[in-house]
Amino acid sequence: MVEKDKVFIGWRTSNLMNKKTKEYFLQELNKINLEPYFTGVNPFDKR
């Protein structure tokens, strides 16, 4: 079995995608054996 490589996705990129786009993006990453890794949350949301 081939181990998946990670794709790092920042909070800004994640925030720019609507739900349908995110689902499509995750499906396409799965097809090429990549696993998304979200790097964090919007730091401005912590205030």
N, C-alpha and C. Protein backbone atom coordinates (compact mmCIF):
# COMPACT_ATOMS: atom_id res chain seq x y z
N MET A 1 0.83 -1.19 0.00
CA MET A 1 0.00 0.00 0.00
C MET A 1 0.88 1.25 0.00
N VAL A 2 0.49 2.22 -0.79
CA VAL A 2 1.26 3.46 -0.90
C VAL A 2 0.80 4.43 0.17
N GLU A 3 1.77 5.01 0.86
CA GLU A 3 1.45 5.99 1.89
C GLU A 3 1.07 7.32 1.23
N LYS A 4 0.11 8.00 1.79
CA LYS A 4 -0.33 9.28 1.24
C LYS A 4 0.64 10.38 1.62
N ASP A 5 0.83 11.30 0.70
CA ASP A 5 1.58 12.52 0.98
C ASP A 5 0.59 13.60 1.38
N LYS A 6 1.07 14.56 2.13
CA LYS A 6 0.19 15.63 2.61
C LYS A 6 0.32 16.88 1.75
N VAL A 7 -0.79 17.57 1.63
CA VAL A 7 -0.84 18.87 0.98
C VAL A 7 -1.24 19.86 2.07
N PHE A 8 -0.42 20.87 2.29
CA PHE A 8 -0.70 21.84 3.34
C PHE A 8 -1.60 22.95 2.79
N ILE A 9 -2.70 23.19 3.49
CA ILE A 9 -3.68 24.18 3.06
C ILE A 9 -3.85 25.20 4.19
N GLY A 10 -3.55 26.45 3.89
CA GLY A 10 -3.66 27.50 4.90
C GLY A 10 -5.10 27.94 5.13
N TRP A 11 -5.32 28.62 6.23
CA TRP A 11 -6.68 29.04 6.58
C TRP A 11 -7.24 30.02 5.57
N ARG A 12 -6.40 30.86 4.97
CA ARG A 12 -6.92 31.82 3.99
C ARG A 12 -7.45 31.10 2.76
N THR A 13 -6.70 30.13 2.28
CA THR A 13 -7.16 29.35 1.12
C THR A 13 -8.44 28.61 1.46
N SER A 14 -8.48 28.02 2.62
CA SER A 14 -9.66 27.29 3.06
C SER A 14 -10.88 28.20 3.16
N ASN A 15 -10.69 29.41 3.68
CA ASN A 15 -11.81 30.35 3.83
C ASN A 15 -12.34 30.84 2.49
N LEU A 16 -11.52 30.83 1.46
CA LEU A 16 -11.94 31.31 0.15
C LEU A 16 -12.79 30.28 -0.60
N MET A 17 -12.79 29.04 -0.16
CA MET A 17 -13.54 27.98 -0.84
C MET A 17 -14.92 27.81 -0.22
N ASN A 18 -15.93 27.68 -1.08
CA ASN A 18 -17.24 27.33 -0.54
C ASN A 18 -17.28 25.82 -0.31
N LYS A 19 -18.35 25.33 0.30
CA LYS A 19 -18.42 23.91 0.69
C LYS A 19 -18.32 22.98 -0.52
N LYS A 20 -18.99 23.33 -1.62
CA LYS A 20 -18.97 22.49 -2.82
C LYS A 20 -17.56 22.42 -3.41
N THR A 21 -16.87 23.54 -3.42
CA THR A 21 -15.50 23.58 -3.93
C THR A 21 -14.57 22.74 -3.07
N LYS A 22 -14.73 22.83 -1.75
CA LYS A 22 -13.90 22.03 -0.83
C LYS A 22 -14.10 20.54 -1.07
N GLU A 23 -15.35 20.13 -1.24
CA GLU A 23 -15.64 18.71 -1.47
C GLU A 23 -14.99 18.23 -2.76
N TYR A 24 -15.10 19.02 -3.83
CA TYR A 24 -14.49 18.67 -5.11
C TYR A 24 -12.96 18.60 -4.96
N PHE A 25 -12.39 19.58 -4.30
CA PHE A 25 -10.95 19.65 -4.08
C PHE A 25 -10.45 18.41 -3.34
N LEU A 26 -11.17 18.01 -2.28
CA LEU A 26 -10.78 16.83 -1.51
C LEU A 26 -10.90 15.55 -2.34
N GLN A 27 -11.92 15.46 -3.18
CA GLN A 27 -12.08 14.29 -4.06
C GLN A 27 -10.92 14.19 -5.04
N GLU A 28 -10.56 15.32 -5.62
CA GLU A 28 -9.46 15.33 -6.59
C GLU A 28 -8.13 14.98 -5.92
N LEU A 29 -7.90 15.47 -4.72
CA LEU A 29 -6.67 15.12 -3.99
C LEU A 29 -6.62 13.63 -3.71
N ASN A 30 -7.76 13.06 -3.35
CA ASN A 30 -7.83 11.62 -3.09
C ASN A 30 -7.47 10.81 -4.33
N LYS A 31 -7.90 11.27 -5.49
CA LYS A 31 -7.62 10.56 -6.75
C LYS A 31 -6.13 10.43 -7.00
N ILE A 32 -5.37 11.44 -6.60
CA ILE A 32 -3.92 11.42 -6.85
C ILE A 32 -3.14 11.07 -5.57
N ASN A 33 -3.87 10.48 -4.61
CA ASN A 33 -3.26 9.94 -3.39
C ASN A 33 -2.60 11.01 -2.52
N LEU A 34 -3.27 12.15 -2.39
CA LEU A 34 -2.78 13.21 -1.50
C LEU A 34 -3.80 13.44 -0.40
N GLU A 35 -3.30 13.74 0.79
CA GLU A 35 -4.16 13.98 1.94
C GLU A 35 -4.03 15.45 2.36
N PRO A 36 -5.14 16.18 2.45
CA PRO A 36 -5.06 17.58 2.86
C PRO A 36 -4.72 17.72 4.34
N TYR A 37 -3.93 18.71 4.66
CA TYR A 37 -3.60 19.01 6.05
C TYR A 37 -3.84 20.50 6.23
N PHE A 38 -4.88 20.85 6.98
CA PHE A 38 -5.20 22.25 7.20
C PHE A 38 -4.30 22.79 8.31
N THR A 39 -3.60 23.89 8.01
CA THR A 39 -2.53 24.38 8.88
C THR A 39 -3.01 25.18 10.07
N GLY A 40 -4.27 25.48 10.15
CA GLY A 40 -4.75 26.22 11.32
C GLY A 40 -6.03 26.97 11.04
N VAL A 41 -6.40 27.75 12.01
CA VAL A 41 -7.62 28.55 11.90
C VAL A 41 -7.25 30.00 11.71
N ASN A 42 -8.22 30.76 11.32
CA ASN A 42 -8.03 32.19 11.15
C ASN A 42 -7.64 32.80 12.49
N PRO A 43 -6.45 33.41 12.59
CA PRO A 43 -6.03 33.97 13.88
C PRO A 43 -6.93 35.10 14.36
N PHE A 44 -7.66 35.73 13.45
CA PHE A 44 -8.54 36.82 13.82
C PHE A 44 -9.82 36.31 14.48
N ASP A 45 -10.13 35.02 14.31
CA ASP A 45 -11.31 34.44 14.95
C ASP A 45 -11.09 34.23 16.44
N LYS A 46 -9.86 34.26 16.90
CA LYS A 46 -9.55 34.00 18.30
C LYS A 46 -9.81 35.21 19.19
N ARG A 47 -10.03 36.36 18.60
CA ARG A 47 -10.23 37.60 19.37
C ARG A 47 -11.58 37.66 19.99
